[in-house]
Amino acid sequence: EFLLSLDIDFSRLPIKRPWLKAIVKQFNYVKIPFPALRLRGGELGGSLIYF
């Protein structure tokens, strides 16, 4: 089974204010569900939300 989905690295956003950057960086510890494409047994499927 193979899964393809987005993964955002919030710490790489160009934020100039240190206090805001520290807050946004904490979002890297939380997994935000995104739609995913799934390839299983030669069949392509998808999920609207996948953790």
N, C-alpha and C. Protein backbone atom coordinates (compact mmCIF):
# COMPACT_ATOMS: atom_id res chain seq x y z
N GLU A 1 0.85 -1.18 0.00
CA GLU A 1 0.00 0.00 0.00
C GLU A 1 0.89 1.24 0.00
N PHE A 2 0.60 2.16 -0.90
CA PHE A 2 1.31 3.42 -0.97
C PHE A 2 0.31 4.56 -0.80
N LEU A 3 0.70 5.59 -0.05
CA LEU A 3 -0.15 6.75 0.18
C LEU A 3 0.58 8.00 -0.26
N LEU A 4 -0.15 8.93 -0.86
CA LEU A 4 0.41 10.21 -1.28
C LEU A 4 -0.49 11.32 -0.75
N SER A 5 0.09 12.22 0.06
CA SER A 5 -0.67 13.30 0.65
C SER A 5 0.25 14.48 0.91
N LEU A 6 -0.33 15.62 1.25
CA LEU A 6 0.46 16.81 1.56
C LEU A 6 0.96 16.76 3.00
N ASP A 7 2.08 17.40 3.23
CA ASP A 7 2.62 17.57 4.57
C ASP A 7 3.27 18.95 4.60
N ILE A 8 2.75 19.84 5.42
CA ILE A 8 3.24 21.22 5.46
C ILE A 8 4.21 21.39 6.62
N ASP A 9 5.36 21.98 6.34
CA ASP A 9 6.35 22.31 7.37
C ASP A 9 6.18 23.79 7.72
N PHE A 10 5.44 24.05 8.80
CA PHE A 10 5.13 25.42 9.19
C PHE A 10 6.36 26.20 9.63
N SER A 11 7.42 25.53 10.07
CA SER A 11 8.62 26.24 10.53
C SER A 11 9.37 26.90 9.37
N ARG A 12 9.06 26.52 8.14
CA ARG A 12 9.75 27.10 6.98
C ARG A 12 9.01 28.28 6.36
N LEU A 13 7.90 28.68 6.95
CA LEU A 13 7.18 29.84 6.45
C LEU A 13 7.99 31.10 6.72
N PRO A 14 8.00 32.06 5.79
CA PRO A 14 8.80 33.28 5.98
C PRO A 14 8.11 34.28 6.93
N ILE A 15 8.22 34.03 8.22
CA ILE A 15 7.63 34.90 9.24
C ILE A 15 8.76 35.66 9.92
N LYS A 16 8.62 36.99 10.01
CA LYS A 16 9.70 37.82 10.55
C LYS A 16 9.58 38.07 12.05
N ARG A 17 8.39 38.06 12.59
CA ARG A 17 8.22 38.31 14.02
C ARG A 17 8.55 37.05 14.81
N PRO A 18 9.54 37.11 15.71
CA PRO A 18 9.97 35.91 16.45
C PRO A 18 8.85 35.28 17.28
N TRP A 19 8.01 36.08 17.90
CA TRP A 19 6.95 35.53 18.75
C TRP A 19 5.91 34.78 17.91
N LEU A 20 5.61 35.31 16.72
CA LEU A 20 4.65 34.64 15.84
C LEU A 20 5.26 33.38 15.24
N LYS A 21 6.54 33.45 14.92
CA LYS A 21 7.24 32.28 14.38
C LYS A 21 7.26 31.14 15.41
N ALA A 22 7.44 31.48 16.69
CA ALA A 22 7.45 30.47 17.75
C ALA A 22 6.08 29.80 17.88
N ILE A 23 5.02 30.59 17.72
CA ILE A 23 3.67 30.03 17.81
C ILE A 23 3.38 29.12 16.61
N VAL A 24 3.70 29.59 15.41
CA VAL A 24 3.42 28.83 14.20
C VAL A 24 4.24 27.55 14.15
N LYS A 25 5.45 27.59 14.68
CA LYS A 25 6.32 26.41 14.69
C LYS A 25 5.70 25.26 15.49
N GLN A 26 4.88 25.58 16.47
CA GLN A 26 4.24 24.54 17.29
C GLN A 26 3.24 23.71 16.48
N PHE A 27 2.75 24.26 15.37
CA PHE A 27 1.81 23.51 14.53
C PHE A 27 2.47 22.30 13.87
N ASN A 28 3.81 22.23 13.85
CA ASN A 28 4.49 21.06 13.29
C ASN A 28 4.27 19.81 14.14
N TYR A 29 3.87 19.99 15.39
CA TYR A 29 3.65 18.85 16.27
C TYR A 29 2.24 18.29 16.14
N VAL A 30 1.39 18.97 15.37
CA VAL A 30 0.02 18.54 15.17
C VAL A 30 -0.14 18.10 13.73
N LYS A 31 -0.65 16.90 13.52
CA LYS A 31 -0.88 16.40 12.17
C LYS A 31 -2.21 16.94 11.66
N ILE A 32 -2.16 17.67 10.56
CA ILE A 32 -3.36 18.21 9.95
C ILE A 32 -3.77 17.26 8.82
N PRO A 33 -4.97 16.71 8.88
CA PRO A 33 -5.38 15.76 7.85
C PRO A 33 -5.63 16.43 6.50
N PHE A 34 -5.12 15.81 5.46
CA PHE A 34 -5.32 16.26 4.09
C PHE A 34 -5.88 15.10 3.28
N PRO A 35 -6.46 15.38 2.13
CA PRO A 35 -6.86 14.29 1.23
C PRO A 35 -5.64 13.47 0.80
N ALA A 36 -5.85 12.19 0.55
CA ALA A 36 -4.74 11.31 0.19
C ALA A 36 -5.15 10.41 -0.97
N LEU A 37 -4.17 10.11 -1.81
CA LEU A 37 -4.34 9.09 -2.86
C LEU A 37 -3.74 7.80 -2.34
N ARG A 38 -4.43 6.67 -2.59
CA ARG A 38 -3.98 5.38 -2.07
C ARG A 38 -3.86 4.40 -3.22
N LEU A 39 -2.72 3.73 -3.31
CA LEU A 39 -2.51 2.67 -4.30
C LEU A 39 -2.34 1.37 -3.53
N ARG A 40 -3.33 0.47 -3.71
CA ARG A 40 -3.31 -0.81 -2.98
C ARG A 40 -3.69 -1.92 -3.95
N GLY A 41 -2.79 -2.86 -4.13
CA GLY A 41 -3.08 -4.01 -5.00
C GLY A 41 -3.37 -3.62 -6.43
N GLY A 42 -2.72 -2.58 -6.92
CA GLY A 42 -2.93 -2.13 -8.29
C GLY A 42 -4.16 -1.26 -8.49
N GLU A 43 -4.91 -1.01 -7.42
CA GLU A 43 -6.09 -0.17 -7.50
C GLU A 43 -5.80 1.20 -6.90
N LEU A 44 -6.24 2.24 -7.58
CA LEU A 44 -6.06 3.60 -7.11
C LEU A 44 -7.35 4.05 -6.43
N GLY A 45 -7.21 4.55 -5.22
CA GLY A 45 -8.36 5.04 -4.47
C GLY A 45 -7.99 6.33 -3.78
N GLY A 46 -8.85 6.80 -2.94
CA GLY A 46 -8.57 8.03 -2.24
C GLY A 46 -9.33 8.13 -0.94
N SER A 47 -8.89 9.05 -0.12
CA SER A 47 -9.56 9.35 1.14
C SER A 47 -9.65 10.87 1.26
N LEU A 48 -10.81 11.36 1.67
CA LEU A 48 -10.94 12.80 1.85
C LEU A 48 -10.09 13.31 3.01
N ILE A 49 -10.04 12.52 4.08
CA ILE A 49 -9.21 12.88 5.24
C ILE A 49 -8.44 11.64 5.64
N TYR A 50 -7.11 11.76 5.75
CA TYR A 50 -6.28 10.62 6.13
C TYR A 50 -5.23 11.08 7.12
N PHE A 51 -5.10 10.37 8.24
CA PHE A 51 -4.09 10.68 9.25
C PHE A 51 -2.88 9.83 9.02
